[in-house]
Amino acid sequence: MQKKISSNPFNGTPEQEAKLQEVIAAHKHDKSYLMAVMQHAQEIYGYLPMEVQNMIAEGMEVPLEKVFGVATFYAQFSLTQKGQYHIAVCLGTACYVKGSGLIFDALQKELGIGGDECTEDGKYSLAATRCIGACGLAPVLTVNDEVYGRLTDKDVPGILAKYK
């Protein structure tokens, strides 16, 4: 599955950049720390937009292609911004056969975004995920760390209303 690149504008702060530059400075002479620097960058920014990947590539003196390759190869890295409320819909087998595809479609329609996207205001992001280990509650979605189960697409407006 190809990772989607964020379409939202980059809104990094000078404080975030200073933190990242500190991390880079501490490790720039040892390229084996590239992944660790990228992990720190994701902790700082919440994701790895191209602007951050460029900072890492320049600071670590590695090609941007290498940074991008690592970011797209490992599932732990995200190229898209996460919203204040990150919604993940399980599309694993148990959930899918019980209607999670319809729930995902309803969320896309209600939020006006696709999978791996974030609303322009940064409030909501949406992702499809595989089994989250709550098959007995299928179909399931999570909003941040809160789990909702035994859902139908009709439950979507009520769930979103809790986060307005």
N, C-alpha and C. Protein backbone atom coordinates (compact mmCIF):
# COMPACT_ATOMS: atom_id res chain seq x y z
N MET A 1 0.84 -1.18 0.00
CA MET A 1 0.00 0.00 0.00
C MET A 1 0.89 1.24 0.00
N GLN A 2 0.66 2.13 -0.92
CA GLN A 2 1.45 3.35 -1.03
C GLN A 2 0.97 4.37 -0.01
N LYS A 3 1.91 5.05 0.63
CA LYS A 3 1.55 6.06 1.61
C LYS A 3 1.16 7.34 0.91
N LYS A 4 0.17 7.99 1.46
CA LYS A 4 -0.30 9.27 0.94
C LYS A 4 0.52 10.40 1.56
N ILE A 5 0.84 11.40 0.75
CA ILE A 5 1.57 12.57 1.23
C ILE A 5 0.56 13.63 1.60
N SER A 6 0.81 14.33 2.70
CA SER A 6 -0.13 15.33 3.20
C SER A 6 -0.39 16.42 2.18
N SER A 7 -1.67 16.77 2.04
CA SER A 7 -2.04 17.86 1.15
C SER A 7 -2.28 19.15 1.93
N ASN A 8 -2.25 19.06 3.26
CA ASN A 8 -2.43 20.26 4.09
C ASN A 8 -1.12 21.05 4.12
N PRO A 9 -1.21 22.38 4.22
CA PRO A 9 0.02 23.17 4.29
C PRO A 9 0.79 22.88 5.57
N PHE A 10 2.11 22.95 5.47
CA PHE A 10 2.98 22.71 6.62
C PHE A 10 2.91 23.90 7.56
N ASN A 11 2.70 23.63 8.85
CA ASN A 11 2.56 24.69 9.85
C ASN A 11 3.53 24.51 11.01
N GLY A 12 4.77 24.16 10.70
CA GLY A 12 5.76 23.99 11.76
C GLY A 12 6.09 25.31 12.43
N THR A 13 6.45 25.23 13.70
CA THR A 13 6.79 26.43 14.47
C THR A 13 8.32 26.55 14.61
N PRO A 14 8.81 27.73 14.90
CA PRO A 14 10.25 27.89 15.16
C PRO A 14 10.72 27.02 16.34
N GLU A 15 9.87 26.85 17.34
CA GLU A 15 10.23 26.01 18.49
C GLU A 15 10.41 24.56 18.06
N GLN A 16 9.52 24.07 17.21
CA GLN A 16 9.65 22.71 16.72
C GLN A 16 10.93 22.54 15.91
N GLU A 17 11.20 23.52 15.05
CA GLU A 17 12.42 23.44 14.24
C GLU A 17 13.67 23.46 15.13
N ALA A 18 13.67 24.28 16.16
CA ALA A 18 14.81 24.33 17.07
C ALA A 18 15.03 22.97 17.75
N LYS A 19 13.94 22.32 18.18
CA LYS A 19 14.05 20.99 18.80
C LYS A 19 14.63 19.99 17.81
N LEU A 20 14.12 20.03 16.57
CA LEU A 20 14.62 19.10 15.56
C LEU A 20 16.09 19.36 15.27
N GLN A 21 16.49 20.61 15.16
CA GLN A 21 17.89 20.94 14.88
C GLN A 21 18.80 20.46 16.00
N GLU A 22 18.31 20.49 17.25
CA GLU A 22 19.06 19.96 18.39
C GLU A 22 19.31 18.47 18.23
N VAL A 23 18.25 17.75 17.85
CA VAL A 23 18.35 16.30 17.67
C VAL A 23 19.32 15.99 16.53
N ILE A 24 19.19 16.71 15.44
CA ILE A 24 20.07 16.49 14.29
C ILE A 24 21.52 16.77 14.67
N ALA A 25 21.75 17.88 15.36
CA ALA A 25 23.12 18.24 15.75
C ALA A 25 23.77 17.16 16.62
N ALA A 26 22.98 16.53 17.46
CA ALA A 26 23.51 15.49 18.35
C ALA A 26 23.89 14.21 17.60
N HIS A 27 23.34 14.03 16.39
CA HIS A 27 23.55 12.76 15.69
C HIS A 27 24.07 12.90 14.27
N LYS A 28 24.34 14.10 13.81
CA LYS A 28 24.63 14.30 12.39
C LYS A 28 25.93 13.64 11.91
N HIS A 29 26.81 13.31 12.81
CA HIS A 29 28.08 12.71 12.39
C HIS A 29 28.01 11.18 12.32
N ASP A 30 26.86 10.61 12.64
CA ASP A 30 26.70 9.16 12.56
C ASP A 30 25.40 8.85 11.83
N LYS A 31 25.51 8.51 10.57
CA LYS A 31 24.33 8.29 9.71
C LYS A 31 23.49 7.10 10.17
N SER A 32 24.04 6.25 11.03
CA SER A 32 23.26 5.11 11.53
C SER A 32 22.12 5.58 12.44
N TYR A 33 22.14 6.85 12.83
CA TYR A 33 21.08 7.42 13.67
C TYR A 33 19.93 8.02 12.86
N LEU A 34 19.96 7.85 11.53
CA LEU A 34 18.92 8.46 10.69
C LEU A 34 17.52 8.10 11.17
N MET A 35 17.26 6.82 11.39
CA MET A 35 15.91 6.41 11.81
C MET A 35 15.55 7.01 13.16
N ALA A 36 16.49 7.06 14.07
CA ALA A 36 16.22 7.64 15.40
C ALA A 36 15.89 9.13 15.27
N VAL A 37 16.61 9.84 14.41
CA VAL A 37 16.33 11.26 14.18
C VAL A 37 14.93 11.41 13.58
N MET A 38 14.58 10.53 12.65
CA MET A 38 13.25 10.59 12.04
C MET A 38 12.16 10.31 13.07
N GLN A 39 12.41 9.39 13.98
CA GLN A 39 11.44 9.09 15.04
C GLN A 39 11.24 10.31 15.94
N HIS A 40 12.36 10.96 16.29
CA HIS A 40 12.26 12.18 17.11
C HIS A 40 11.49 13.26 16.35
N ALA A 41 11.78 13.40 15.07
CA ALA A 41 11.09 14.41 14.25
C ALA A 41 9.59 14.16 14.24
N GLN A 42 9.20 12.89 14.13
CA GLN A 42 7.77 12.58 14.13
C GLN A 42 7.15 12.86 15.49
N GLU A 43 7.90 12.65 16.56
CA GLU A 43 7.39 13.00 17.89
C GLU A 43 7.18 14.52 18.00
N ILE A 44 8.08 15.28 17.41
CA ILE A 44 8.02 16.74 17.47
C ILE A 44 6.86 17.29 16.64
N TYR A 45 6.73 16.79 15.40
CA TYR A 45 5.75 17.35 14.47
C TYR A 45 4.47 16.53 14.35
N GLY A 46 4.50 15.27 14.78
CA GLY A 46 3.32 14.41 14.64
C GLY A 46 3.28 13.65 13.33
N TYR A 47 4.11 14.04 12.39
CA TYR A 47 4.22 13.38 11.09
C TYR A 47 5.48 13.88 10.42
N LEU A 48 5.79 13.37 9.22
CA LEU A 48 7.01 13.75 8.52
C LEU A 48 6.70 14.38 7.16
N PRO A 49 6.30 15.65 7.17
CA PRO A 49 6.06 16.32 5.89
C PRO A 49 7.38 16.51 5.14
N MET A 50 7.32 16.83 3.87
CA MET A 50 8.52 16.99 3.05
C MET A 50 9.46 18.05 3.62
N GLU A 51 8.92 19.10 4.20
CA GLU A 51 9.76 20.15 4.77
C GLU A 51 10.65 19.59 5.89
N VAL A 52 10.09 18.71 6.70
CA VAL A 52 10.84 18.10 7.79
C VAL A 52 11.85 17.10 7.23
N GLN A 53 11.43 16.34 6.24
CA GLN A 53 12.36 15.39 5.61
C GLN A 53 13.55 16.14 5.01
N ASN A 54 13.30 17.29 4.41
CA ASN A 54 14.39 18.12 3.86
C ASN A 54 15.35 18.57 4.95
N MET A 55 14.81 19.01 6.09
CA MET A 55 15.66 19.44 7.21
C MET A 55 16.55 18.29 7.67
N ILE A 56 15.95 17.10 7.76
CA ILE A 56 16.70 15.93 8.20
C ILE A 56 17.79 15.58 7.19
N ALA A 57 17.43 15.56 5.91
CA ALA A 57 18.39 15.21 4.86
C ALA A 57 19.56 16.18 4.87
N GLU A 58 19.27 17.47 4.92
CA GLU A 58 20.34 18.48 4.92
C GLU A 58 21.19 18.38 6.18
N GLY A 59 20.54 18.27 7.32
CA GLY A 59 21.27 18.23 8.59
C GLY A 59 22.10 16.98 8.78
N MET A 60 21.58 15.85 8.31
CA MET A 60 22.30 14.57 8.45
C MET A 60 23.23 14.33 7.27
N GLU A 61 23.18 15.22 6.28
CA GLU A 61 23.98 15.09 5.06
C GLU A 61 23.77 13.74 4.38
N VAL A 62 22.48 13.42 4.20
CA VAL A 62 22.09 12.22 3.45
C VAL A 62 21.13 12.67 2.35
N PRO A 63 21.04 11.92 1.26
CA PRO A 63 20.12 12.31 0.19
C PRO A 63 18.66 12.30 0.68
N LEU A 64 17.88 13.25 0.20
CA LEU A 64 16.47 13.31 0.53
C LEU A 64 15.78 12.00 0.16
N GLU A 65 16.22 11.39 -0.93
CA GLU A 65 15.63 10.11 -1.38
C GLU A 65 15.77 9.03 -0.31
N LYS A 66 16.87 9.06 0.42
CA LYS A 66 17.07 8.06 1.49
C LYS A 66 16.09 8.30 2.63
N VAL A 67 15.92 9.55 3.02
CA VAL A 67 14.98 9.89 4.09
C VAL A 67 13.57 9.50 3.67
N PHE A 68 13.19 9.87 2.45
CA PHE A 68 11.86 9.55 1.93
C PHE A 68 11.68 8.03 1.84
N GLY A 69 12.71 7.32 1.42
CA GLY A 69 12.64 5.86 1.32
C GLY A 69 12.38 5.21 2.67
N VAL A 70 13.07 5.69 3.69
CA VAL A 70 12.85 5.15 5.05
C VAL A 70 11.44 5.50 5.52
N ALA A 71 11.03 6.74 5.29
CA ALA A 71 9.70 7.19 5.74
C ALA A 71 8.58 6.41 5.08
N THR A 72 8.76 6.02 3.82
CA THR A 72 7.69 5.31 3.12
C THR A 72 7.78 3.79 3.33
N PHE A 73 8.93 3.29 3.72
CA PHE A 73 9.08 1.85 3.91
C PHE A 73 8.52 1.39 5.24
N TYR A 74 8.79 2.13 6.30
CA TYR A 74 8.39 1.70 7.64
C TYR A 74 7.03 2.25 8.03
N ALA A 75 6.15 1.35 8.49
CA ALA A 75 4.78 1.71 8.84
C ALA A 75 4.70 2.70 10.00
N GLN A 76 5.74 2.76 10.83
CA GLN A 76 5.71 3.66 11.99
C GLN A 76 5.72 5.14 11.60
N PHE A 77 6.12 5.43 10.36
CA PHE A 77 6.20 6.82 9.93
C PHE A 77 4.96 7.22 9.15
N SER A 78 4.51 8.44 9.39
CA SER A 78 3.34 8.98 8.69
C SER A 78 3.75 10.21 7.90
N LEU A 79 3.29 10.28 6.66
CA LEU A 79 3.55 11.44 5.82
C LEU A 79 2.38 12.41 5.84
N THR A 80 1.34 12.05 6.57
CA THR A 80 0.16 12.90 6.63
C THR A 80 -0.08 13.36 8.07
N GLN A 81 -0.59 14.56 8.17
CA GLN A 81 -0.89 15.17 9.46
C GLN A 81 -2.01 14.41 10.16
N LYS A 82 -1.87 14.25 11.45
CA LYS A 82 -2.93 13.67 12.26
C LYS A 82 -3.73 14.81 12.87
N GLY A 83 -5.04 14.64 12.89
CA GLY A 83 -5.90 15.66 13.47
C GLY A 83 -5.90 15.59 14.99
N GLN A 84 -6.51 16.59 15.59
CA GLN A 84 -6.70 16.59 17.05
C GLN A 84 -7.44 15.32 17.44
N TYR A 85 -8.39 14.92 16.58
CA TYR A 85 -9.13 13.69 16.78
C TYR A 85 -8.81 12.77 15.61
N HIS A 86 -7.98 11.77 15.88
CA HIS A 86 -7.59 10.83 14.84
C HIS A 86 -8.54 9.63 14.87
N ILE A 87 -9.27 9.45 13.78
CA ILE A 87 -10.27 8.38 13.68
C ILE A 87 -9.69 7.26 12.83
N ALA A 88 -9.68 6.06 13.37
CA ALA A 88 -9.20 4.89 12.65
C ALA A 88 -10.32 3.86 12.60
N VAL A 89 -10.67 3.44 11.39
CA VAL A 89 -11.73 2.46 11.20
C VAL A 89 -11.09 1.12 10.86
N CYS A 90 -11.44 0.08 11.60
CA CYS A 90 -10.90 -1.24 11.32
C CYS A 90 -11.56 -1.80 10.06
N LEU A 91 -10.73 -2.16 9.10
CA LEU A 91 -11.23 -2.81 7.89
C LEU A 91 -10.73 -4.24 7.81
N GLY A 92 -10.36 -4.80 8.97
CA GLY A 92 -9.99 -6.21 9.03
C GLY A 92 -11.21 -7.06 8.71
N THR A 93 -10.99 -8.33 8.49
CA THR A 93 -12.05 -9.22 8.00
C THR A 93 -13.31 -9.19 8.85
N ALA A 94 -13.19 -9.40 10.17
CA ALA A 94 -14.38 -9.45 11.02
C ALA A 94 -15.18 -8.16 10.96
N CYS A 95 -14.47 -7.04 11.00
CA CYS A 95 -15.16 -5.74 10.95
C CYS A 95 -15.73 -5.47 9.56
N TYR A 96 -14.97 -5.82 8.55
CA TYR A 96 -15.42 -5.51 7.18
C TYR A 96 -16.70 -6.27 6.83
N VAL A 97 -16.76 -7.55 7.19
CA VAL A 97 -17.97 -8.32 6.85
C VAL A 97 -19.18 -7.85 7.64
N LYS A 98 -18.95 -7.12 8.73
CA LYS A 98 -20.06 -6.58 9.52
C LYS A 98 -20.35 -5.12 9.20
N GLY A 99 -19.73 -4.58 8.13
CA GLY A 99 -20.12 -3.26 7.66
C GLY A 99 -19.18 -2.11 7.91
N SER A 100 -17.93 -2.36 8.26
CA SER A 100 -17.03 -1.24 8.54
C SER A 100 -16.72 -0.41 7.29
N GLY A 101 -16.83 -1.01 6.11
CA GLY A 101 -16.64 -0.25 4.87
C GLY A 101 -17.68 0.86 4.75
N LEU A 102 -18.91 0.56 5.13
CA LEU A 102 -19.97 1.58 5.10
C LEU A 102 -19.71 2.68 6.12
N ILE A 103 -19.16 2.31 7.27
CA ILE A 103 -18.82 3.29 8.30
C ILE A 103 -17.71 4.21 7.80
N PHE A 104 -16.69 3.61 7.18
CA PHE A 104 -15.59 4.40 6.63
C PHE A 104 -16.11 5.37 5.57
N ASP A 105 -16.98 4.89 4.70
CA ASP A 105 -17.57 5.76 3.66
C ASP A 105 -18.37 6.90 4.28
N ALA A 106 -19.13 6.60 5.33
CA ALA A 106 -19.94 7.63 6.00
C ALA A 106 -19.04 8.69 6.63
N LEU A 107 -17.93 8.27 7.22
CA LEU A 107 -17.00 9.23 7.82
C LEU A 107 -16.35 10.11 6.75
N GLN A 108 -15.98 9.52 5.63
CA GLN A 108 -15.39 10.32 4.54
C GLN A 108 -16.38 11.39 4.08
N LYS A 109 -17.64 10.99 3.94
CA LYS A 109 -18.67 11.92 3.49
C LYS A 109 -18.91 13.01 4.53
N GLU A 110 -19.04 12.61 5.78
CA GLU A 110 -19.34 13.54 6.86
C GLU A 110 -18.20 14.55 7.09
N LEU A 111 -16.95 14.06 7.00
CA LEU A 111 -15.79 14.92 7.26
C LEU A 111 -15.28 15.64 6.01
N GLY A 112 -15.66 15.14 4.85
CA GLY A 112 -15.20 15.75 3.61
C GLY A 112 -13.74 15.47 3.30
N ILE A 113 -13.23 14.36 3.82
CA ILE A 113 -11.85 13.95 3.56
C ILE A 113 -11.81 12.48 3.20
N GLY A 114 -10.71 12.07 2.61
CA GLY A 114 -10.50 10.66 2.31
C GLY A 114 -9.64 10.02 3.38
N GLY A 115 -9.32 8.76 3.16
CA GLY A 115 -8.42 8.05 4.07
C GLY A 115 -7.04 8.68 4.05
N ASP A 116 -6.38 8.68 5.19
CA ASP A 116 -5.06 9.28 5.36
C ASP A 116 -5.06 10.77 5.05
N GLU A 117 -6.16 11.42 5.34
CA GLU A 117 -6.24 12.87 5.17
C GLU A 117 -6.67 13.51 6.48
N CYS A 118 -6.47 14.83 6.53
CA CYS A 118 -6.81 15.62 7.71
C CYS A 118 -7.67 16.79 7.25
N THR A 119 -8.67 17.14 8.04
CA THR A 119 -9.50 18.29 7.69
C THR A 119 -8.62 19.55 7.70
N GLU A 120 -9.02 20.54 6.93
CA GLU A 120 -8.22 21.76 6.82
C GLU A 120 -7.99 22.45 8.15
N ASP A 121 -8.95 22.33 9.06
CA ASP A 121 -8.80 22.97 10.37
C ASP A 121 -7.95 22.15 11.34
N GLY A 122 -7.49 20.97 10.90
CA GLY A 122 -6.65 20.13 11.73
C GLY A 122 -7.38 19.41 12.84
N LYS A 123 -8.70 19.45 12.80
CA LYS A 123 -9.48 18.85 13.89
C LYS A 123 -9.61 17.33 13.76
N TYR A 124 -9.84 16.83 12.54
CA TYR A 124 -10.07 15.40 12.34
C TYR A 124 -9.12 14.84 11.29
N SER A 125 -8.68 13.62 11.52
CA SER A 125 -7.99 12.85 10.49
C SER A 125 -8.64 11.48 10.46
N LEU A 126 -8.51 10.83 9.31
CA LEU A 126 -9.19 9.55 9.10
C LEU A 126 -8.23 8.55 8.49
N ALA A 127 -8.25 7.34 9.02
CA ALA A 127 -7.40 6.28 8.48
C ALA A 127 -8.13 4.95 8.52
N ALA A 128 -7.83 4.14 7.54
CA ALA A 128 -8.27 2.74 7.55
C ALA A 128 -7.17 1.96 8.24
N THR A 129 -7.55 1.03 9.09
CA THR A 129 -6.55 0.22 9.77
C THR A 129 -6.96 -1.24 9.67
N ARG A 130 -6.06 -2.10 9.98
CA ARG A 130 -6.37 -3.53 10.02
C ARG A 130 -6.72 -3.89 11.46
N CYS A 131 -6.87 -5.14 11.72
CA CYS A 131 -7.37 -5.62 13.01
C CYS A 131 -6.75 -4.91 14.20
N ILE A 132 -7.61 -4.43 15.08
CA ILE A 132 -7.13 -3.78 16.31
C ILE A 132 -7.35 -4.68 17.53
N GLY A 133 -7.80 -5.91 17.29
CA GLY A 133 -7.93 -6.87 18.38
C GLY A 133 -9.23 -6.78 19.15
N ALA A 134 -10.25 -6.19 18.56
CA ALA A 134 -11.55 -6.09 19.23
C ALA A 134 -12.62 -6.73 18.35
N CYS A 135 -12.30 -7.89 17.78
CA CYS A 135 -13.19 -8.55 16.82
C CYS A 135 -14.57 -8.85 17.41
N GLY A 136 -14.64 -9.10 18.70
CA GLY A 136 -15.91 -9.37 19.34
C GLY A 136 -16.85 -8.17 19.35
N LEU A 137 -16.29 -6.98 19.09
CA LEU A 137 -17.09 -5.75 19.06
C LEU A 137 -17.33 -5.27 17.63
N ALA A 138 -16.96 -6.08 16.65
CA ALA A 138 -17.02 -5.67 15.23
C ALA A 138 -18.41 -5.17 14.84
N PRO A 139 -18.41 -4.13 13.99
CA PRO A 139 -17.30 -3.33 13.48
C PRO A 139 -16.88 -2.26 14.47
N VAL A 140 -15.57 -1.93 14.42
CA VAL A 140 -14.96 -1.07 15.43
C VAL A 140 -14.26 0.12 14.78
N LEU A 141 -14.29 1.24 15.50
CA LEU A 141 -13.44 2.37 15.15
C LEU A 141 -12.89 2.96 16.43
N THR A 142 -11.79 3.69 16.30
CA THR A 142 -11.22 4.38 17.45
C THR A 142 -11.15 5.88 17.13
N VAL A 143 -11.33 6.68 18.16
CA VAL A 143 -11.07 8.11 18.09
C VAL A 143 -10.02 8.34 19.16
N ASN A 144 -8.80 8.64 18.70
CA ASN A 144 -7.63 8.67 19.57
C ASN A 144 -7.56 7.32 20.29
N ASP A 145 -7.71 7.28 21.60
CA ASP A 145 -7.62 6.00 22.31
C ASP A 145 -8.97 5.44 22.72
N GLU A 146 -10.06 6.07 22.31
CA GLU A 146 -11.40 5.62 22.69
C GLU A 146 -11.94 4.66 21.62
N VAL A 147 -12.42 3.50 22.06
CA VAL A 147 -12.89 2.45 21.15
C VAL A 147 -14.42 2.48 21.11
N TYR A 148 -14.95 2.42 19.88
CA TYR A 148 -16.40 2.33 19.66
C TYR A 148 -16.66 1.04 18.90
N GLY A 149 -17.60 0.24 19.39
CA GLY A 149 -17.88 -1.04 18.75
C GLY A 149 -19.35 -1.29 18.49
N ARG A 150 -19.58 -2.37 17.74
CA ARG A 150 -20.94 -2.78 17.33
C ARG A 150 -21.66 -1.61 16.65
N LEU A 151 -21.01 -1.05 15.67
CA LEU A 151 -21.48 0.17 15.01
C LEU A 151 -22.19 -0.10 13.70
N THR A 152 -22.93 0.90 13.27
CA THR A 152 -23.44 0.96 11.90
C THR A 152 -23.10 2.35 11.38
N ASP A 153 -23.27 2.55 10.08
CA ASP A 153 -22.99 3.87 9.52
C ASP A 153 -23.90 4.95 10.11
N LYS A 154 -25.03 4.55 10.65
CA LYS A 154 -25.96 5.51 11.28
C LYS A 154 -25.41 6.08 12.59
N ASP A 155 -24.41 5.42 13.18
CA ASP A 155 -23.80 5.88 14.43
C ASP A 155 -22.79 7.01 14.22
N VAL A 156 -22.33 7.22 12.99
CA VAL A 156 -21.28 8.18 12.71
C VAL A 156 -21.60 9.59 13.19
N PRO A 157 -22.76 10.18 12.85
CA PRO A 157 -23.03 11.56 13.30
C PRO A 157 -22.99 11.70 14.82
N GLY A 158 -23.50 10.73 15.55
CA GLY A 158 -23.49 10.79 17.01
C GLY A 158 -22.10 10.72 17.60
N ILE A 159 -21.24 9.90 17.00
CA ILE A 159 -19.86 9.81 17.47
C ILE A 159 -19.14 11.12 17.22
N LEU A 160 -19.28 11.65 16.01
CA LEU A 160 -18.61 12.92 15.68
C LEU A 160 -19.11 14.08 16.54
N ALA A 161 -20.39 14.04 16.92
CA ALA A 161 -20.96 15.12 17.74
C ALA A 161 -20.23 15.24 19.09
N LYS A 162 -19.70 14.13 19.60
CA LYS A 162 -18.97 14.16 20.87
C LYS A 162 -17.69 14.96 20.78
N TYR A 163 -17.18 15.17 19.56
CA TYR A 163 -15.88 15.81 19.39
C TYR A 163 -15.97 17.18 18.73
N LYS A 164 -17.14 17.76 18.72
CA LYS A 164 -17.30 19.09 18.09
C LYS A 164 -16.92 20.19 19.04
